[in-house]
Amino acid sequence: MKKAILFMIISTFSFSLMNSFVKYLNHYPTFEIVFFRAIGSLVLGTTLILIKGIPIFGNSRKLMIYRALVGLTAMSLFFMSLQYLPVGTAVSLRYLAPIYAAIFAVFLLKEKLKPIQWFLFLFAFAGVLVLKGFDQNINTTGLLLVLAASVFSGLVYVLIRKIGNSDHPLVIVNYFMFTGTVIGGLLSINNWIKPEGIDWLILLSLGIFGFFGQVFMTKAFQIAKTNLVAPLKYIEVIFTIMVGIFWFGDIYSLWSLLGILMIVAALVINVVVGKK
């Protein structure tokens, strides 16, 4: 269990750095950032696939293309939201995705939810209302963008569940990163801003941090029970808020912190309750 905790801490810290770097790079067009985020992970993922001898095209190709397109939409909307919101707030709101995933699963996969889970979902949404309703500094455009991103992220979870074990996780991620590289590259051609100095290093690091965040999270889930490990992923919210405060000078009101706490608490409890 100690090793799983260590892996999750490394994973959440990697994702926190990646999201913070995206926030720092918000003077670049969104799809240029998407391109660099995707191409770094694509290179690493393809290398591992070839080394391990995994069939690179996989089996559920149509579903993986859908997952890639939906995932790209979610990632682009989230990156856009970082132009308007403190990075910790955006990350917290993006974590509403499991709620949408659960609701989608009820209708698309015929899964069932416990009554307590519906209550927890309402409690999390109440946290969003507290966040927006009492903190006038929360930008409405940013809020709508990140909420839309979380809806698409929720659909991604359902598509991955639909794919199941028919394809290797690296192949699923590689479809996503290939799509992000191609579409992000094409959509950024007309608005391309040539990176200068340290920005090159930061842009190229996005894919590396994102890839290792994913790898270490997968390792943690492989060696420990889901209901013990899954709540630890919300450490990312704490890391990201701290980075936002010390790096970007983000200011959080008591209402903001209360709203974030309500969202995270509801989701952590839902993970534990849902696995019982």
C-alpha atoms as a PDB file:
ATOM      1  CA  MET A   1       0.000   0.000   0.000  1.00  0.00           C
ATOM      2  CA  LYS A   2       2.887   2.377   0.751  1.00  0.00           C
ATOM      3  CA  LYS A   3       4.195   1.909  -2.783  1.00  0.00           C
ATOM      4  CA  ALA A   4       0.728   2.624  -4.222  1.00  0.00           C
ATOM      5  CA  ILE A   5       0.524   5.841  -2.177  1.00  0.00           C
ATOM      6  CA  LEU A   6       3.967   6.887  -3.435  1.00  0.00           C
ATOM      7  CA  PHE A   7       2.948   6.176  -7.044  1.00  0.00           C
ATOM      8  CA  MET A   8      -0.245   8.234  -6.665  1.00  0.00           C
ATOM      9  CA  ILE A   9       1.663  11.151  -5.128  1.00  0.00           C
ATOM     10  CA  ILE A  10       4.105  11.109  -8.062  1.00  0.00           C
ATOM     11  CA  SER A  11       1.173  10.880 -10.479  1.00  0.00           C
ATOM     12  CA  THR A  12      -0.819  13.739  -8.952  1.00  0.00           C
ATOM     13  CA  PHE A  13       2.290  15.923  -8.687  1.00  0.00           C
ATOM     14  CA  SER A  14       3.069  15.262 -12.373  1.00  0.00           C
ATOM     15  CA  PHE A  15      -0.452  16.244 -13.415  1.00  0.00           C
ATOM     16  CA  SER A  16      -0.313  19.316 -11.166  1.00  0.00           C
ATOM     17  CA  LEU A  17       2.894  20.505 -12.827  1.00  0.00           C
ATOM     18  CA  MET A  18       1.475  19.842 -16.287  1.00  0.00           C
ATOM     19  CA  ASN A  19      -1.703  21.834 -15.567  1.00  0.00           C
ATOM     20  CA  SER A  20       0.307  24.654 -14.006  1.00  0.00           C
ATOM     21  CA  PHE A  21       2.572  24.827 -17.045  1.00  0.00           C
ATOM     22  CA  VAL A  22      -0.511  25.005 -19.293  1.00  0.00           C
ATOM     23  CA  LYS A  23      -1.731  27.915 -17.169  1.00  0.00           C
ATOM     24  CA  TYR A  24       1.670  29.607 -17.529  1.00  0.00           C
ATOM     25  CA  LEU A  25       1.559  29.113 -21.309  1.00  0.00           C
ATOM     26  CA  ASN A  26      -1.893  30.677 -21.786  1.00  0.00           C
ATOM     27  CA  HIS A  27      -0.396  33.344 -24.075  1.00  0.00           C
ATOM     28  CA  TYR A  28      -0.082  30.571 -26.679  1.00  0.00           C
ATOM     29  CA  PRO A  29      -3.103  29.418 -28.738  1.00  0.00           C
ATOM     30  CA  THR A  30      -4.973  26.537 -27.104  1.00  0.00           C
ATOM     31  CA  PHE A  31      -4.472  24.100 -29.965  1.00  0.00           C
ATOM     32  CA  GLU A  32      -0.739  24.782 -30.080  1.00  0.00           C
ATOM     33  CA  ILE A  33      -0.595  23.742 -26.416  1.00  0.00           C
ATOM     34  CA  VAL A  34      -2.736  20.688 -27.255  1.00  0.00           C
ATOM     35  CA  PHE A  35      -0.255  19.796 -30.004  1.00  0.00           C
ATOM     36  CA  PHE A  36       2.764  19.895 -27.678  1.00  0.00           C
ATOM     37  CA  ARG A  37       0.855  18.092 -24.896  1.00  0.00           C
ATOM     38  CA  ALA A  38      -0.051  15.301 -27.298  1.00  0.00           C
ATOM     39  CA  ILE A  39       3.144  14.857 -29.305  1.00  0.00           C
ATOM     40  CA  GLY A  40       5.346  14.298 -26.249  1.00  0.00           C
ATOM     41  CA  SER A  41       3.115  11.517 -24.939  1.00  0.00           C
ATOM     42  CA  LEU A  42       2.729  10.106 -28.459  1.00  0.00           C
ATOM     43  CA  VAL A  43       6.492   9.670 -28.844  1.00  0.00           C
ATOM     44  CA  LEU A  44       6.862   8.011 -25.434  1.00  0.00           C
ATOM     45  CA  GLY A  45       3.764   5.839 -25.873  1.00  0.00           C
ATOM     46  CA  THR A  46       4.688   4.657 -29.368  1.00  0.00           C
ATOM     47  CA  THR A  47       8.209   3.817 -28.202  1.00  0.00           C
ATOM     48  CA  LEU A  48       6.879   1.655 -25.362  1.00  0.00           C
ATOM     49  CA  ILE A  49       4.335  -0.048 -27.622  1.00  0.00           C
ATOM     50  CA  LEU A  50       7.048  -0.983 -30.122  1.00  0.00           C
ATOM     51  CA  ILE A  51       9.433  -2.175 -27.378  1.00  0.00           C
ATOM     52  CA  LYS A  52       6.724  -4.340 -25.806  1.00  0.00           C
ATOM     53  CA  GLY A  53       5.587  -5.679 -29.185  1.00  0.00           C
ATOM     54  CA  ILE A  54       1.965  -4.580 -28.647  1.00  0.00           C
ATOM     55  CA  PRO A  55      -0.215  -4.404 -31.805  1.00  0.00           C
ATOM     56  CA  ILE A  56      -0.217  -0.658 -32.418  1.00  0.00           C
ATOM     57  CA  PHE A  57      -3.611  -0.422 -34.175  1.00  0.00           C
ATOM     58  CA  GLY A  58      -5.525  -2.426 -31.559  1.00  0.00           C
ATOM     59  CA  ASN A  59      -8.918  -4.077 -31.926  1.00  0.00           C
ATOM     60  CA  SER A  60     -11.768  -1.676 -31.017  1.00  0.00           C
ATOM     61  CA  ARG A  61     -10.595   0.928 -33.493  1.00  0.00           C
ATOM     62  CA  LYS A  62     -13.882   2.757 -33.983  1.00  0.00           C
ATOM     63  CA  LEU A  63     -14.479   3.079 -30.233  1.00  0.00           C
ATOM     64  CA  MET A  64     -10.904   4.265 -29.693  1.00  0.00           C
ATOM     65  CA  ILE A  65     -11.337   6.938 -32.367  1.00  0.00           C
ATOM     66  CA  TYR A  66     -14.529   8.117 -30.619  1.00  0.00           C
ATOM     67  CA  ARG A  67     -12.682   8.128 -27.297  1.00  0.00           C
ATOM     68  CA  ALA A  68      -9.842  10.124 -28.859  1.00  0.00           C
ATOM     69  CA  LEU A  69     -12.157  12.780 -30.336  1.00  0.00           C
ATOM     70  CA  VAL A  70     -14.196  13.144 -27.146  1.00  0.00           C
ATOM     71  CA  GLY A  71     -11.012  13.240 -25.058  1.00  0.00           C
ATOM     72  CA  LEU A  72      -9.501  15.886 -27.322  1.00  0.00           C
ATOM     73  CA  THR A  73     -12.629  18.022 -26.918  1.00  0.00           C
ATOM     74  CA  ALA A  74     -12.459  17.666 -23.136  1.00  0.00           C
ATOM     75  CA  MET A  75      -8.760  18.539 -23.002  1.00  0.00           C
ATOM     76  CA  SER A  76      -9.150  21.578 -25.302  1.00  0.00           C
ATOM     77  CA  LEU A  77     -12.070  22.973 -23.279  1.00  0.00           C
ATOM     78  CA  PHE A  78     -10.137  22.467 -20.039  1.00  0.00           C
ATOM     79  CA  PHE A  79      -7.060  24.246 -21.406  1.00  0.00           C
ATOM     80  CA  MET A  80      -9.297  27.126 -22.546  1.00  0.00           C
ATOM     81  CA  SER A  81     -10.832  27.389 -19.072  1.00  0.00           C
ATOM     82  CA  LEU A  82      -7.376  27.949 -17.571  1.00  0.00           C
ATOM     83  CA  GLN A  83      -7.293  31.334 -19.312  1.00  0.00           C
ATOM     84  CA  TYR A  84     -10.143  32.481 -17.074  1.00  0.00           C
ATOM     85  CA  LEU A  85      -9.929  30.510 -13.811  1.00  0.00           C
ATOM     86  CA  PRO A  86      -7.353  29.887 -11.070  1.00  0.00           C
ATOM     87  CA  VAL A  87      -5.707  26.586 -11.901  1.00  0.00           C
ATOM     88  CA  GLY A  88      -6.806  24.943  -8.628  1.00  0.00           C
ATOM     89  CA  THR A  89     -10.435  25.914  -9.197  1.00  0.00           C
ATOM     90  CA  ALA A  90     -10.388  24.584 -12.779  1.00  0.00           C
ATOM     91  CA  VAL A  91      -8.893  21.263 -11.688  1.00  0.00           C
ATOM     92  CA  SER A  92     -11.464  20.919  -8.887  1.00  0.00           C
ATOM     93  CA  LEU A  93     -14.373  21.521 -11.258  1.00  0.00           C
ATOM     94  CA  ARG A  94     -12.968  19.150 -13.864  1.00  0.00           C
ATOM     95  CA  TYR A  95     -13.211  16.410 -11.236  1.00  0.00           C
ATOM     96  CA  LEU A  96     -16.979  16.516 -11.626  1.00  0.00           C
ATOM     97  CA  ALA A  97     -16.346  14.173 -14.570  1.00  0.00           C
ATOM     98  CA  PRO A  98     -16.963  10.963 -12.541  1.00  0.00           C
ATOM     99  CA  ILE A  99     -20.472  12.228 -11.783  1.00  0.00           C
ATOM    100  CA  TYR A 100     -21.285  12.627 -15.449  1.00  0.00           C
ATOM    101  CA  ALA A 101     -19.613   9.281 -16.161  1.00  0.00           C
ATOM    102  CA  ALA A 102     -21.851   7.582 -13.603  1.00  0.00           C
ATOM    103  CA  ILE A 103     -24.970   9.218 -15.061  1.00  0.00           C
ATOM    104  CA  PHE A 104     -23.961   8.320 -18.624  1.00  0.00           C
ATOM    105  CA  ALA A 105     -23.309   4.741 -17.476  1.00  0.00           C
ATOM    106  CA  VAL A 106     -26.839   4.482 -16.079  1.00  0.00           C
ATOM    107  CA  PHE A 107     -28.340   5.230 -19.491  1.00  0.00           C
ATOM    108  CA  LEU A 108     -25.701   3.845 -21.855  1.00  0.00           C
ATOM    109  CA  LEU A 109     -24.349   0.831 -19.950  1.00  0.00           C
ATOM    110  CA  LYS A 110     -27.428   0.090 -17.814  1.00  0.00           C
ATOM    111  CA  GLU A 111     -25.428   0.384 -14.603  1.00  0.00           C
ATOM    112  CA  LYS A 112     -27.108   1.200 -11.296  1.00  0.00           C
ATOM    113  CA  LEU A 113     -26.340   3.810  -8.669  1.00  0.00           C
ATOM    114  CA  LYS A 114     -27.023   3.690  -4.953  1.00  0.00           C
ATOM    115  CA  PRO A 115     -29.338   6.344  -3.465  1.00  0.00           C
ATOM    116  CA  ILE A 116     -26.436   7.729  -1.383  1.00  0.00           C
ATOM    117  CA  GLN A 117     -24.491   8.326  -4.599  1.00  0.00           C
ATOM    118  CA  TRP A 118     -27.257  10.524  -6.027  1.00  0.00           C
ATOM    119  CA  PHE A 119     -27.158  12.539  -2.802  1.00  0.00           C
ATOM    120  CA  LEU A 120     -23.383  12.912  -3.070  1.00  0.00           C
ATOM    121  CA  PHE A 121     -23.712  14.079  -6.663  1.00  0.00           C
ATOM    122  CA  LEU A 122     -26.199  16.760  -5.595  1.00  0.00           C
ATOM    123  CA  PHE A 123     -23.837  17.755  -2.778  1.00  0.00           C
ATOM    124  CA  ALA A 124     -20.981  18.166  -5.277  1.00  0.00           C
ATOM    125  CA  PHE A 125     -23.139  20.343  -7.538  1.00  0.00           C
ATOM    126  CA  ALA A 126     -24.119  22.370  -4.478  1.00  0.00           C
ATOM    127  CA  GLY A 127     -20.375  22.974  -4.098  1.00  0.00           C
ATOM    128  CA  VAL A 128     -20.331  24.421  -7.629  1.00  0.00           C
ATOM    129  CA  LEU A 129     -23.209  26.741  -6.707  1.00  0.00           C
ATOM    130  CA  VAL A 130     -21.358  27.871  -3.578  1.00  0.00           C
ATOM    131  CA  LEU A 131     -18.219  28.427  -5.655  1.00  0.00           C
ATOM    132  CA  LYS A 132     -19.974  30.557  -8.258  1.00  0.00           C
ATOM    133  CA  GLY A 133     -22.833  32.002  -6.264  1.00  0.00           C
ATOM    134  CA  PHE A 134     -20.819  33.437  -3.399  1.00  0.00           C
ATOM    135  CA  ASP A 135     -17.475  34.136  -5.052  1.00  0.00           C
ATOM    136  CA  GLN A 136     -17.949  36.924  -7.586  1.00  0.00           C
ATOM    137  CA  ASN A 137     -14.362  36.469  -8.800  1.00  0.00           C
ATOM    138  CA  ILE A 138     -15.227  33.188 -10.559  1.00  0.00           C
ATOM    139  CA  ASN A 139     -15.400  33.968 -14.277  1.00  0.00           C
ATOM    140  CA  THR A 140     -18.615  32.687 -15.899  1.00  0.00           C
ATOM    141  CA  THR A 141     -16.959  31.875 -19.238  1.00  0.00           C
ATOM    142  CA  GLY A 142     -14.259  29.847 -17.511  1.00  0.00           C
ATOM    143  CA  LEU A 143     -16.866  28.073 -15.380  1.00  0.00           C
ATOM    144  CA  LEU A 144     -18.930  27.065 -18.422  1.00  0.00           C
ATOM    145  CA  LEU A 145     -15.827  25.873 -20.287  1.00  0.00           C
ATOM    146  CA  VAL A 146     -14.590  23.660 -17.467  1.00  0.00           C
ATOM    147  CA  LEU A 147     -18.068  22.265 -16.775  1.00  0.00           C
ATOM    148  CA  ALA A 148     -18.351  21.345 -20.465  1.00  0.00           C
ATOM    149  CA  ALA A 149     -14.866  19.779 -20.261  1.00  0.00           C
ATOM    150  CA  SER A 150     -15.969  17.645 -17.305  1.00  0.00           C
ATOM    151  CA  VAL A 151     -19.047  16.431 -19.231  1.00  0.00           C
ATOM    152  CA  PHE A 152     -16.882  15.261 -22.134  1.00  0.00           C
ATOM    153  CA  SER A 153     -14.378  13.723 -19.684  1.00  0.00           C
ATOM    154  CA  GLY A 154     -17.246  11.785 -18.138  1.00  0.00           C
ATOM    155  CA  LEU A 155     -18.149  10.432 -21.561  1.00  0.00           C
ATOM    156  CA  VAL A 156     -14.505   9.420 -22.047  1.00  0.00           C
ATOM    157  CA  TYR A 157     -14.708   7.215 -18.925  1.00  0.00           C
ATOM    158  CA  VAL A 158     -17.782   5.467 -20.306  1.00  0.00           C
ATOM    159  CA  LEU A 159     -16.123   4.879 -23.689  1.00  0.00           C
ATOM    160  CA  ILE A 160     -13.036   3.423 -22.005  1.00  0.00           C
ATOM    161  CA  ARG A 161     -15.298   1.125 -19.982  1.00  0.00           C
ATOM    162  CA  LYS A 162     -17.011   0.120 -23.223  1.00  0.00           C
ATOM    163  CA  ILE A 163     -13.639  -0.706 -24.796  1.00  0.00           C
ATOM    164  CA  GLY A 164     -12.856  -2.785 -21.696  1.00  0.00           C
ATOM    165  CA  ASN A 165      -9.901  -5.169 -21.844  1.00  0.00           C
ATOM    166  CA  SER A 166     -10.060  -5.640 -25.607  1.00  0.00           C
ATOM    167  CA  ASP A 167      -7.123  -3.248 -26.063  1.00  0.00           C
ATOM    168  CA  HIS A 168      -3.969  -2.399 -24.154  1.00  0.00           C
ATOM    169  CA  PRO A 169      -4.148   0.904 -22.193  1.00  0.00           C
ATOM    170  CA  LEU A 170      -1.095   2.218 -24.055  1.00  0.00           C
ATOM    171  CA  VAL A 171      -2.857   1.711 -27.384  1.00  0.00           C
ATOM    172  CA  ILE A 172      -5.983   3.527 -26.171  1.00  0.00           C
ATOM    173  CA  VAL A 173      -3.909   6.466 -24.945  1.00  0.00           C
ATOM    174  CA  ASN A 174      -1.855   6.445 -28.156  1.00  0.00           C
ATOM    175  CA  TYR A 175      -4.980   6.859 -30.312  1.00  0.00           C
ATOM    176  CA  PHE A 176      -5.850   9.876 -28.161  1.00  0.00           C
ATOM    177  CA  MET A 177      -2.380  11.393 -28.441  1.00  0.00           C
ATOM    178  CA  PHE A 178      -2.122  10.756 -32.194  1.00  0.00           C
ATOM    179  CA  THR A 179      -5.473  12.502 -32.705  1.00  0.00           C
ATOM    180  CA  GLY A 180      -4.382  15.393 -30.484  1.00  0.00           C
ATOM    181  CA  THR A 181      -1.118  15.770 -32.382  1.00  0.00           C
ATOM    182  CA  VAL A 182      -2.766  15.814 -35.823  1.00  0.00           C
ATOM    183  CA  ILE A 183      -5.814  17.960 -35.020  1.00  0.00           C
ATOM    184  CA  GLY A 184      -3.944  20.234 -32.599  1.00  0.00           C
ATOM    185  CA  GLY A 185      -1.213  20.744 -35.189  1.00  0.00           C
ATOM    186  CA  LEU A 186      -3.612  21.475 -38.047  1.00  0.00           C
ATOM    187  CA  LEU A 187      -5.783  23.881 -36.042  1.00  0.00           C
ATOM    188  CA  SER A 188      -2.772  25.825 -34.781  1.00  0.00           C
ATOM    189  CA  ILE A 189      -1.097  26.410 -38.153  1.00  0.00           C
ATOM    190  CA  ASN A 190      -2.751  29.772 -38.831  1.00  0.00           C
ATOM    191  CA  ASN A 191      -2.264  31.014 -35.262  1.00  0.00           C
ATOM    192  CA  TRP A 192       1.138  29.481 -34.542  1.00  0.00           C
ATOM    193  CA  ILE A 193       3.336  31.450 -32.170  1.00  0.00           C
ATOM    194  CA  LYS A 194       6.990  30.471 -32.304  1.00  0.00           C
ATOM    195  CA  PRO A 195       8.142  29.461 -28.800  1.00  0.00           C
ATOM    196  CA  GLU A 196      11.073  31.373 -27.387  1.00  0.00           C
ATOM    197  CA  GLY A 197      13.714  30.375 -24.827  1.00  0.00           C
ATOM    198  CA  ILE A 198      12.447  28.440 -21.794  1.00  0.00           C
ATOM    199  CA  ASP A 199       8.996  28.100 -23.366  1.00  0.00           C
ATOM    200  CA  TRP A 200      10.378  25.377 -25.655  1.00  0.00           C
ATOM    201  CA  LEU A 201      11.370  23.282 -22.652  1.00  0.00           C
ATOM    202  CA  ILE A 202       8.048  23.870 -20.865  1.00  0.00           C
ATOM    203  CA  LEU A 203       5.973  23.048 -23.950  1.00  0.00           C
ATOM    204  CA  LEU A 204       7.920  19.853 -24.607  1.00  0.00           C
ATOM    205  CA  SER A 205       7.623  18.840 -20.950  1.00  0.00           C
ATOM    206  CA  LEU A 206       3.803  18.824 -21.078  1.00  0.00           C
ATOM    207  CA  GLY A 207       3.650  15.439 -22.768  1.00  0.00           C
ATOM    208  CA  ILE A 208       6.319  14.012 -20.471  1.00  0.00           C
ATOM    209  CA  PHE A 209       4.576  15.034 -17.240  1.00  0.00           C
ATOM    210  CA  GLY A 210       1.205  13.939 -18.633  1.00  0.00           C
ATOM    211  CA  PHE A 211       2.595  10.559 -19.676  1.00  0.00           C
ATOM    212  CA  PHE A 212       4.321   9.813 -16.377  1.00  0.00           C
ATOM    213  CA  GLY A 213       1.264  10.998 -14.465  1.00  0.00           C
ATOM    214  CA  GLN A 214      -0.786   8.422 -16.354  1.00  0.00           C
ATOM    215  CA  VAL A 215       1.812   5.640 -15.960  1.00  0.00           C
ATOM    216  CA  PHE A 216       2.234   6.036 -12.205  1.00  0.00           C
ATOM    217  CA  MET A 217      -1.522   6.280 -11.663  1.00  0.00           C
ATOM    218  CA  THR A 218      -1.958   3.025 -13.594  1.00  0.00           C
ATOM    219  CA  LYS A 219       0.759   1.361 -11.516  1.00  0.00           C
ATOM    220  CA  ALA A 220      -0.948   2.454  -8.290  1.00  0.00           C
ATOM    221  CA  PHE A 221      -4.275   0.968  -9.389  1.00  0.00           C
ATOM    222  CA  GLN A 222      -2.529  -2.260 -10.369  1.00  0.00           C
ATOM    223  CA  ILE A 223      -1.050  -2.962  -6.924  1.00  0.00           C
ATOM    224  CA  ALA A 224      -3.790  -1.726  -4.562  1.00  0.00           C
ATOM    225  CA  LYS A 225      -7.574  -1.795  -4.269  1.00  0.00           C
ATOM    226  CA  THR A 226      -9.375   0.868  -6.257  1.00  0.00           C
ATOM    227  CA  ASN A 227     -11.383   2.180  -3.292  1.00  0.00           C
ATOM    228  CA  LEU A 228      -8.127   2.772  -1.379  1.00  0.00           C
ATOM    229  CA  VAL A 229      -6.173   4.357  -4.201  1.00  0.00           C
ATOM    230  CA  ALA A 230      -8.806   6.346  -6.138  1.00  0.00           C
ATOM    231  CA  PRO A 231      -9.429   8.974  -3.397  1.00  0.00           C
ATOM    232  CA  LEU A 232      -5.706   9.787  -3.445  1.00  0.00           C
ATOM    233  CA  LYS A 233      -5.961  11.227  -6.954  1.00  0.00           C
ATOM    234  CA  TYR A 234      -7.708  14.252  -5.442  1.00  0.00           C
ATOM    235  CA  ILE A 235      -4.374  15.201  -3.874  1.00  0.00           C
ATOM    236  CA  GLU A 236      -3.882  16.854  -7.264  1.00  0.00           C
ATOM    237  CA  VAL A 237      -6.341  19.552  -6.187  1.00  0.00           C
ATOM    238  CA  ILE A 238      -4.216  20.374  -3.116  1.00  0.00           C
ATOM    239  CA  PHE A 239      -0.968  20.400  -5.101  1.00  0.00           C
ATOM    240  CA  THR A 240      -2.473  22.577  -7.828  1.00  0.00           C
ATOM    241  CA  ILE A 241      -4.001  25.095  -5.420  1.00  0.00           C
ATOM    242  CA  MET A 242      -0.628  25.442  -3.688  1.00  0.00           C
ATOM    243  CA  VAL A 243       1.171  25.948  -7.005  1.00  0.00           C
ATOM    244  CA  GLY A 244      -1.467  28.496  -8.048  1.00  0.00           C
ATOM    245  CA  ILE A 245      -1.033  30.479  -4.838  1.00  0.00           C
ATOM    246  CA  PHE A 246       2.770  30.543  -4.815  1.00  0.00           C
ATOM    247  CA  TRP A 247       3.395  30.769  -8.586  1.00  0.00           C
ATOM    248  CA  PHE A 248       0.451  32.701 -10.028  1.00  0.00           C
ATOM    249  CA  GLY A 249      -0.589  34.590  -6.917  1.00  0.00           C
ATOM    250  CA  ASP A 250      -4.086  33.068  -7.022  1.00  0.00           C
ATOM    251  CA  ILE A 251      -6.369  34.206  -4.224  1.00  0.00           C
ATOM    252  CA  TYR A 252      -9.083  31.924  -2.859  1.00  0.00           C
ATOM    253  CA  SER A 253     -11.944  33.278  -0.779  1.00  0.00           C
ATOM    254  CA  LEU A 254     -13.439  31.198   2.015  1.00  0.00           C
ATOM    255  CA  TRP A 255     -16.446  30.548  -0.249  1.00  0.00           C
ATOM    256  CA  SER A 256     -14.155  29.239  -2.992  1.00  0.00           C
ATOM    257  CA  LEU A 257     -12.384  26.893  -0.605  1.00  0.00           C
ATOM    258  CA  LEU A 258     -15.707  25.722   0.847  1.00  0.00           C
ATOM    259  CA  GLY A 259     -17.085  24.997  -2.638  1.00  0.00           C
ATOM    260  CA  ILE A 260     -13.933  23.107  -3.636  1.00  0.00           C
ATOM    261  CA  LEU A 261     -14.016  21.146  -0.364  1.00  0.00           C
ATOM    262  CA  MET A 262     -17.665  20.165  -0.928  1.00  0.00           C
ATOM    263  CA  ILE A 263     -16.902  18.934  -4.460  1.00  0.00           C
ATOM    264  CA  VAL A 264     -13.818  16.926  -3.497  1.00  0.00           C
ATOM    265  CA  ALA A 265     -15.378  15.477  -0.323  1.00  0.00           C
ATOM    266  CA  ALA A 266     -18.466  14.301  -2.219  1.00  0.00           C
ATOM    267  CA  LEU A 267     -16.359  12.651  -4.920  1.00  0.00           C
ATOM    268  CA  VAL A 268     -13.969  10.942  -2.504  1.00  0.00           C
ATOM    269  CA  ILE A 269     -16.858   9.513  -0.484  1.00  0.00           C
ATOM    270  CA  ASN A 270     -18.549   8.435  -3.710  1.00  0.00           C
ATOM    271  CA  VAL A 271     -15.459   6.428  -4.698  1.00  0.00           C
ATOM    272  CA  VAL A 272     -15.449   4.633  -1.352  1.00  0.00           C
ATOM    273  CA  VAL A 273     -19.232   4.038  -1.291  1.00  0.00           C
ATOM    274  CA  GLY A 274     -19.390   2.984  -4.928  1.00  0.00           C
ATOM    275  CA  LYS A 275     -16.886   0.153  -4.423  1.00  0.00           C
ATOM    276  CA  LYS A 276     -18.697  -1.399  -1.446  1.00  0.00           C
END
